[in-house]
């Protein structure tokens, strides 16, 4: 008997994690919108 395996994808919202941690250290951000931006030019490089 052969079982067909289908791919499984997962999405982890690490942006929300960064916002949550920043709000712990900066309580003035509570109940305010926070945006997470990335610099894709640096992605995948070691400096």
N, C-alpha and C. Protein backbone atom coordinates (compact mmCIF):
# COMPACT_ATOMS: atom_id res chain seq x y z
N UNK A 1 0.84 -1.17 0.00
CA UNK A 1 0.00 0.00 0.00
C UNK A 1 0.89 1.24 0.00
N UNK A 2 0.60 2.15 -0.90
CA UNK A 2 1.38 3.39 -1.00
C UNK A 2 0.52 4.57 -0.55
N UNK A 3 1.10 5.39 0.30
CA UNK A 3 0.40 6.56 0.81
C UNK A 3 0.96 7.80 0.11
N UNK A 4 0.06 8.62 -0.43
CA UNK A 4 0.48 9.85 -1.10
C UNK A 4 0.68 10.95 -0.05
N UNK A 5 1.85 11.55 -0.08
CA UNK A 5 2.15 12.65 0.85
C UNK A 5 1.93 13.97 0.13
N UNK A 6 1.22 14.85 0.76
CA UNK A 6 0.99 16.17 0.21
C UNK A 6 1.81 17.18 1.00
N UNK A 7 2.30 18.23 0.34
CA UNK A 7 3.09 19.22 1.06
C UNK A 7 2.25 19.96 2.10
N UNK A 8 2.90 20.30 3.18
CA UNK A 8 2.26 21.05 4.26
C UNK A 8 3.05 22.35 4.42
N UNK A 9 2.34 23.46 4.46
CA UNK A 9 2.97 24.77 4.60
C UNK A 9 2.52 25.40 5.91
N UNK A 10 3.43 26.09 6.54
CA UNK A 10 3.10 26.81 7.76
C UNK A 10 3.56 28.26 7.65
N UNK A 11 2.81 29.13 8.25
CA UNK A 11 3.15 30.55 8.24
C UNK A 11 3.29 31.02 9.69
N UNK A 12 4.44 31.58 9.99
CA UNK A 12 4.70 32.10 11.33
C UNK A 12 4.80 33.61 11.21
N UNK A 13 3.98 34.31 11.96
CA UNK A 13 3.95 35.77 11.89
C UNK A 13 4.96 36.33 12.89
N UNK A 14 6.24 36.38 12.48
CA UNK A 14 7.25 36.90 13.39
C UNK A 14 7.19 38.41 13.49
N UNK A 15 6.55 39.06 12.53
CA UNK A 15 6.39 40.52 12.63
C UNK A 15 5.59 40.89 13.88
N UNK A 16 4.56 40.13 14.16
CA UNK A 16 3.75 40.39 15.37
C UNK A 16 4.59 40.17 16.62
N UNK A 17 5.48 39.18 16.57
CA UNK A 17 6.37 38.94 17.71
C UNK A 17 7.24 40.16 17.97
N UNK A 18 7.84 40.72 16.91
CA UNK A 18 8.68 41.91 17.08
C UNK A 18 7.88 43.06 17.67
N UNK A 19 6.66 43.25 17.20
CA UNK A 19 5.81 44.32 17.74
C UNK A 19 5.50 44.08 19.21
N UNK A 20 5.18 42.86 19.56
CA UNK A 20 4.85 42.54 20.95
C UNK A 20 6.03 42.79 21.87
N UNK A 21 7.21 42.39 21.45
CA UNK A 21 8.41 42.60 22.28
C UNK A 21 8.71 44.09 22.40
N UNK A 22 8.59 44.82 21.30
CA UNK A 22 8.86 46.26 21.34
C UNK A 22 7.87 46.97 22.27
N UNK A 23 6.62 46.51 22.30
CA UNK A 23 5.63 47.12 23.19
C UNK A 23 5.93 46.83 24.66
N UNK A 24 6.60 45.73 24.94
CA UNK A 24 7.00 45.45 26.32
C UNK A 24 8.04 46.47 26.78
N UNK A 25 9.00 46.76 25.91
CA UNK A 25 10.07 47.69 26.27
C UNK A 25 9.68 49.15 26.08
N UNK A 26 8.64 49.39 25.27
CA UNK A 26 8.18 50.77 25.04
C UNK A 26 6.67 50.83 25.23
N UNK A 27 6.20 50.90 26.47
CA UNK A 27 4.77 50.87 26.77
C UNK A 27 3.98 51.99 26.10
N UNK A 28 4.64 53.07 25.69
CA UNK A 28 3.92 54.16 25.02
C UNK A 28 3.37 53.73 23.66
N UNK A 29 3.80 52.59 23.15
CA UNK A 29 3.28 52.08 21.87
C UNK A 29 1.98 51.30 22.02
N UNK A 30 1.57 51.05 23.26
CA UNK A 30 0.34 50.29 23.48
C UNK A 30 -0.85 51.00 22.84
N UNK A 31 -1.69 50.24 22.15
CA UNK A 31 -2.88 50.73 21.45
C UNK A 31 -2.55 51.69 20.31
N UNK A 32 -1.33 51.62 19.78
CA UNK A 32 -0.95 52.41 18.61
C UNK A 32 -0.54 51.45 17.50
N UNK A 33 -0.80 51.83 16.25
CA UNK A 33 -0.37 50.96 15.15
C UNK A 33 1.15 50.93 15.04
N UNK A 34 1.69 49.76 14.79
CA UNK A 34 3.13 49.59 14.63
C UNK A 34 3.37 48.89 13.30
N UNK A 35 4.35 49.38 12.55
CA UNK A 35 4.69 48.80 11.25
C UNK A 35 6.08 48.19 11.34
N UNK A 36 6.23 47.00 10.76
CA UNK A 36 7.53 46.34 10.71
C UNK A 36 8.01 46.38 9.26
N UNK A 37 9.18 46.96 9.06
CA UNK A 37 9.77 47.05 7.72
C UNK A 37 11.06 46.23 7.70
N UNK A 38 11.45 45.81 6.51
CA UNK A 38 12.71 45.09 6.39
C UNK A 38 13.54 45.72 5.30
N UNK A 39 14.83 45.54 5.41
CA UNK A 39 15.75 45.99 4.39
C UNK A 39 16.17 44.76 3.60
N UNK A 40 15.52 44.49 2.51
CA UNK A 40 15.78 43.27 1.74
C UNK A 40 17.16 43.27 1.10
N UNK A 41 17.82 44.43 1.03
CA UNK A 41 19.17 44.48 0.47
C UNK A 41 20.16 43.72 1.35
N UNK A 42 19.90 43.66 2.64
CA UNK A 42 20.82 43.00 3.56
C UNK A 42 20.46 41.54 3.81
N UNK A 43 19.34 41.10 3.31
CA UNK A 43 18.88 39.74 3.57
C UNK A 43 19.83 38.73 2.93
N UNK A 44 20.27 37.76 3.71
CA UNK A 44 21.09 36.69 3.18
C UNK A 44 22.58 37.02 3.08
N UNK A 45 23.03 38.10 3.67
CA UNK A 45 24.45 38.47 3.62
C UNK A 45 25.02 38.53 5.02
N UNK A 46 26.28 38.20 5.10
CA UNK A 46 27.01 38.38 6.36
C UNK A 46 27.88 39.61 6.23
N UNK A 47 27.91 40.39 7.26
CA UNK A 47 28.77 41.60 7.24
C UNK A 47 29.76 41.51 8.37
